[in-house]
C-alpha atoms as a PDB file:
ATOM      1  CA  MET A   1      92.458  59.236 129.129  1.00  0.00           C
ATOM      2  CA  THR A   2      93.909  60.271 125.832  1.00  0.00           C
ATOM      3  CA  ASP A   3      95.080  57.810 123.226  1.00  0.00           C
ATOM      4  CA  THR A   4      98.755  57.214 122.486  1.00  0.00           C
ATOM      5  CA  GLU A   5      98.601  58.850 119.045  1.00  0.00           C
ATOM      6  CA  THR A   6      97.169  62.054 120.431  1.00  0.00           C
ATOM      7  CA  LEU A   7      99.734  62.107 123.237  1.00  0.00           C
ATOM      8  CA  SER A   8     102.503  61.598 120.674  1.00  0.00           C
ATOM      9  CA  LYS A   9     101.166  64.507 118.612  1.00  0.00           C
ATOM     10  CA  LEU A  10     101.119  66.748 121.698  1.00  0.00           C
ATOM     11  CA  ARG A  11     104.690  65.800 122.490  1.00  0.00           C
ATOM     12  CA  GLY A  12     105.685  66.526 118.945  1.00  0.00           C
ATOM     13  CA  VAL A  13     103.999  69.953 118.926  1.00  0.00           C
ATOM     14  CA  ILE A  14     105.674  70.865 122.259  1.00  0.00           C
ATOM     15  CA  SER A  15     109.024  69.803 120.820  1.00  0.00           C
ATOM     16  CA  LYS A  16     108.501  71.858 117.648  1.00  0.00           C
ATOM     17  CA  LEU A  17     107.530  74.928 119.685  1.00  0.00           C
ATOM     18  CA  ALA A  18     110.608  74.578 121.862  1.00  0.00           C
ATOM     19  CA  ARG A  19     112.883  74.195 118.843  1.00  0.00           C
ATOM     20  CA  GLU A  20     111.391  77.257 117.146  1.00  0.00           C
ATOM     21  CA  LEU A  21     111.723  79.385 120.285  1.00  0.00           C
ATOM     22  CA  ASN A  22     115.278  78.189 120.820  1.00  0.00           C
ATOM     23  CA  THR A  23     116.327  79.661 117.447  1.00  0.00           C
ATOM     24  CA  THR A  24     115.893  83.149 118.955  1.00  0.00           C
ATOM     25  CA  ALA A  25     118.852  82.398 121.240  1.00  0.00           C
ATOM     26  CA  THR A  26     121.078  81.491 118.299  1.00  0.00           C
ATOM     27  CA  ASP A  27     120.403  84.971 116.939  1.00  0.00           C
ATOM     28  CA  GLU A  28     122.054  86.243 120.127  1.00  0.00           C
ATOM     29  CA  GLY A  29     125.133  84.043 119.688  1.00  0.00           C
ATOM     30  CA  LEU A  30     124.152  81.316 122.117  1.00  0.00           C
ATOM     31  CA  THR A  31     123.275  77.716 121.500  1.00  0.00           C
ATOM     32  CA  PRO A  32     119.830  76.663 122.730  1.00  0.00           C
ATOM     33  CA  THR A  33     121.470  74.824 125.655  1.00  0.00           C
ATOM     34  CA  GLN A  34     123.546  77.845 126.597  1.00  0.00           C
ATOM     35  CA  ALA A  35     120.432  80.047 126.513  1.00  0.00           C
ATOM     36  CA  SER A  36     118.499  77.550 128.602  1.00  0.00           C
ATOM     37  CA  VAL A  37     121.273  77.329 131.212  1.00  0.00           C
ATOM     38  CA  LEU A  38     121.663  81.115 131.278  1.00  0.00           C
ATOM     39  CA  GLY A  39     117.900  81.512 131.728  1.00  0.00           C
ATOM     40  CA  LEU A  40     117.808  79.041 134.611  1.00  0.00           C
ATOM     41  CA  ILE A  41     120.739  80.672 136.340  1.00  0.00           C
ATOM     42  CA  THR A  42     119.218  84.095 135.847  1.00  0.00           C
ATOM     43  CA  VAL A  43     115.805  83.079 137.190  1.00  0.00           C
ATOM     44  CA  ARG A  44     116.829  80.641 139.955  1.00  0.00           C
ATOM     45  CA  GLY A  45     120.459  81.514 140.664  1.00  0.00           C
ATOM     46  CA  PRO A  46     122.835  81.400 142.248  1.00  0.00           C
ATOM     47  CA  LEU A  47     122.973  77.647 141.744  1.00  0.00           C
ATOM     48  CA  GLY A  48     125.408  74.910 142.494  1.00  0.00           C
ATOM     49  CA  LEU A  49     126.594  72.860 139.503  1.00  0.00           C
ATOM     50  CA  THR A  50     124.946  69.657 140.740  1.00  0.00           C
ATOM     51  CA  GLU A  51     121.655  71.442 141.171  1.00  0.00           C
ATOM     52  CA  LEU A  52     121.998  73.065 137.738  1.00  0.00           C
ATOM     53  CA  ALA A  53     122.760  69.702 136.098  1.00  0.00           C
ATOM     54  CA  GLN A  54     119.635  68.178 137.650  1.00  0.00           C
ATOM     55  CA  PHE A  55     117.420  71.096 136.558  1.00  0.00           C
ATOM     56  CA  GLU A  56     118.763  70.997 133.004  1.00  0.00           C
ATOM     57  CA  GLY A  57     119.132  67.246 132.683  1.00  0.00           C
ATOM     58  CA  LEU A  58     122.720  67.600 131.487  1.00  0.00           C
ATOM     59  CA  ASN A  59     125.647  65.341 132.232  1.00  0.00           C
ATOM     60  CA  PRO A  60     128.549  66.927 134.134  1.00  0.00           C
ATOM     61  CA  THR A  61     130.861  67.094 131.074  1.00  0.00           C
ATOM     62  CA  MET A  62     128.302  68.900 128.939  1.00  0.00           C
ATOM     63  CA  LEU A  63     127.391  71.231 131.779  1.00  0.00           C
ATOM     64  CA  SER A  64     131.037  72.033 132.393  1.00  0.00           C
ATOM     65  CA  ARG A  65     131.443  73.054 128.708  1.00  0.00           C
ATOM     66  CA  VAL A  66     128.303  75.219 128.782  1.00  0.00           C
ATOM     67  CA  VAL A  67     129.231  76.898 132.072  1.00  0.00           C
ATOM     68  CA  GLY A  68     132.792  77.417 130.750  1.00  0.00           C
ATOM     69  CA  ARG A  69     131.526  79.146 127.626  1.00  0.00           C
ATOM     70  CA  LEU A  70     129.037  81.353 129.509  1.00  0.00           C
ATOM     71  CA  THR A  71     131.833  82.320 131.882  1.00  0.00           C
ATOM     72  CA  GLU A  72     134.147  83.156 128.950  1.00  0.00           C
ATOM     73  CA  LEU A  73     131.383  85.369 127.510  1.00  0.00           C
ATOM     74  CA  GLU A  74     131.076  87.033 130.915  1.00  0.00           C
ATOM     75  CA  LEU A  75     127.393  86.147 131.147  1.00  0.00           C
ATOM     76  CA  ILE A  76     127.801  84.193 134.371  1.00  0.00           C
ATOM     77  CA  GLN A  77     130.313  84.145 137.156  1.00  0.00           C
ATOM     78  CA  ARG A  78     131.535  81.400 139.441  1.00  0.00           C
ATOM     79  CA  ASP A  79     131.657  82.063 143.137  1.00  0.00           C
ATOM     80  CA  PRO A  80     132.723  79.879 146.042  1.00  0.00           C
ATOM     81  CA  ASN A  81     129.830  78.138 147.714  1.00  0.00           C
ATOM     82  CA  PRO A  82     129.785  79.476 151.265  1.00  0.00           C
ATOM     83  CA  ASP A  83     128.254  76.159 152.513  1.00  0.00           C
ATOM     84  CA  ASP A  84     130.977  74.048 150.824  1.00  0.00           C
ATOM     85  CA  LEU A  85     134.224  75.775 149.870  1.00  0.00           C
ATOM     86  CA  ARG A  86     135.171  72.845 147.568  1.00  0.00           C
ATOM     87  CA  ALA A  87     132.148  73.655 145.360  1.00  0.00           C
ATOM     88  CA  VAL A  88     131.160  76.655 143.291  1.00  0.00           C
ATOM     89  CA  ARG A  89     127.914  78.375 142.566  1.00  0.00           C
ATOM     90  CA  VAL A  90     127.120  80.249 139.382  1.00  0.00           C
ATOM     91  CA  GLU A  91     125.095  83.378 138.984  1.00  0.00           C
ATOM     92  CA  ALA A  92     124.282  85.677 136.094  1.00  0.00           C
ATOM     93  CA  THR A  93     126.280  88.837 135.594  1.00  0.00           C
ATOM     94  CA  ALA A  94     124.586  92.131 134.644  1.00  0.00           C
ATOM     95  CA  ALA A  95     125.439  91.325 130.990  1.00  0.00           C
ATOM     96  CA  GLY A  96     123.961  87.809 131.372  1.00  0.00           C
ATOM     97  CA  ARG A  97     120.753  89.182 132.856  1.00  0.00           C
ATOM     98  CA  LYS A  98     120.513  91.775 130.069  1.00  0.00           C
ATOM     99  CA  LEU A  99     120.984  89.104 127.369  1.00  0.00           C
ATOM    100  CA  HIS A 100     118.441  86.781 129.023  1.00  0.00           C
ATOM    101  CA  GLU A 101     115.875  89.614 129.069  1.00  0.00           C
ATOM    102  CA  ARG A 102     116.610  90.304 125.358  1.00  0.00           C
ATOM    103  CA  VAL A 103     116.091  86.603 124.456  1.00  0.00           C
ATOM    104  CA  LYS A 104     112.834  86.559 126.452  1.00  0.00           C
ATOM    105  CA  LEU A 105     111.631  89.699 124.675  1.00  0.00           C
ATOM    106  CA  LEU A 106     112.494  88.284 121.263  1.00  0.00           C
ATOM    107  CA  ARG A 107     110.635  85.066 122.065  1.00  0.00           C
ATOM    108  CA  THR A 108     107.620  86.985 123.346  1.00  0.00           C
ATOM    109  CA  GLU A 109     107.547  89.181 120.244  1.00  0.00           C
ATOM    110  CA  ALA A 110     107.799  86.150 117.989  1.00  0.00           C
ATOM    111  CA  ILE A 111     104.851  84.451 119.712  1.00  0.00           C
ATOM    112  CA  GLY A 112     102.838  87.627 119.583  1.00  0.00           C
ATOM    113  CA  ALA A 113     103.497  88.133 115.885  1.00  0.00           C
ATOM    114  CA  CYS A 114     102.478  84.547 115.145  1.00  0.00           C
ATOM    115  CA  LEU A 115      99.296  84.745 117.249  1.00  0.00           C
ATOM    116  CA  ASP A 116      98.385  87.973 115.422  1.00  0.00           C
ATOM    117  CA  GLN A 117      98.640  86.151 112.063  1.00  0.00           C
ATOM    118  CA  MET A 118      96.527  83.197 113.125  1.00  0.00           C
ATOM    119  CA  PRO A 119      92.755  83.060 112.924  1.00  0.00           C
ATOM    120  CA  ALA A 120      91.305  84.694 116.035  1.00  0.00           C
ATOM    121  CA  ALA A 121      89.594  81.489 117.164  1.00  0.00           C
ATOM    122  CA  SER A 122      92.884  79.537 117.034  1.00  0.00           C
ATOM    123  CA  ALA A 123      94.706  82.225 118.960  1.00  0.00           C
ATOM    124  CA  GLN A 124      91.954  82.340 121.605  1.00  0.00           C
ATOM    125  CA  THR A 125      92.060  78.524 121.927  1.00  0.00           C
ATOM    126  CA  ILE A 126      95.775  78.659 122.563  1.00  0.00           C
ATOM    127  CA  ILE A 127      95.366  81.441 125.176  1.00  0.00           C
ATOM    128  CA  ALA A 128      92.534  79.538 126.830  1.00  0.00           C
ATOM    129  CA  ALA A 129      94.758  76.423 127.029  1.00  0.00           C
ATOM    130  CA  LEU A 130      97.548  78.234 128.928  1.00  0.00           C
ATOM    131  CA  PRO A 131      96.411  77.152 132.471  1.00  0.00           C
ATOM    132  CA  ALA A 132      96.125  73.508 131.382  1.00  0.00           C
ATOM    133  CA  LEU A 133      99.534  73.656 129.681  1.00  0.00           C
ATOM    134  CA  ASP A 134     101.029  75.162 132.773  1.00  0.00           C
ATOM    135  CA  ASP A 135      99.532  72.310 134.790  1.00  0.00           C
ATOM    136  CA  LEU A 136     101.116  69.861 132.367  1.00  0.00           C
ATOM    137  CA  ALA A 137     104.535  71.548 132.742  1.00  0.00           C
ATOM    138  CA  GLN A 138     104.220  71.401 136.534  1.00  0.00           C
ATOM    139  CA  ALA A 139     103.193  67.756 136.496  1.00  0.00           C
ATOM    140  CA  LEU A 140     106.184  66.903 134.261  1.00  0.00           C
ATOM    141  CA  ARG A 141     108.516  68.831 136.588  1.00  0.00           C
ATOM    142  CA  THR A 142     107.115  67.085 139.644  1.00  0.00           C
ATOM    143  CA  ARG A 143     107.359  63.662 137.953  1.00  0.00           C
ATOM    144  CA  ARG A 144     111.148  64.076 137.591  1.00  0.00           C
END
């Protein structure tokens, strides 16, 4: 296995990458949390609020604020849950899907530009590590 120091460095690099990618959402007028919630709703929606809170790891108060703001911006809509009329489900509106696609494109372009500026060997190492990093992401998701 890998030593604690190396694991800590990996965690730190992943956190830095996430922070840097999250700044693209702020250019679109969303906080990183709002962009993350919008992305999850767009990709996996419609979702119930409990399910959304579990996926995002947010407490109900914070989630309520984020969902409220995304609703105000008309990026998501709340609909009655047909399985439980006391609950609501949220799904992305056309404007929300469009904004999510724009954020994804900005993030993709930013990564591409950075890879183009790196030494070719470093860029190839990163590309070659994608399957292993995807395995790590899946393992972390499963662990929750």
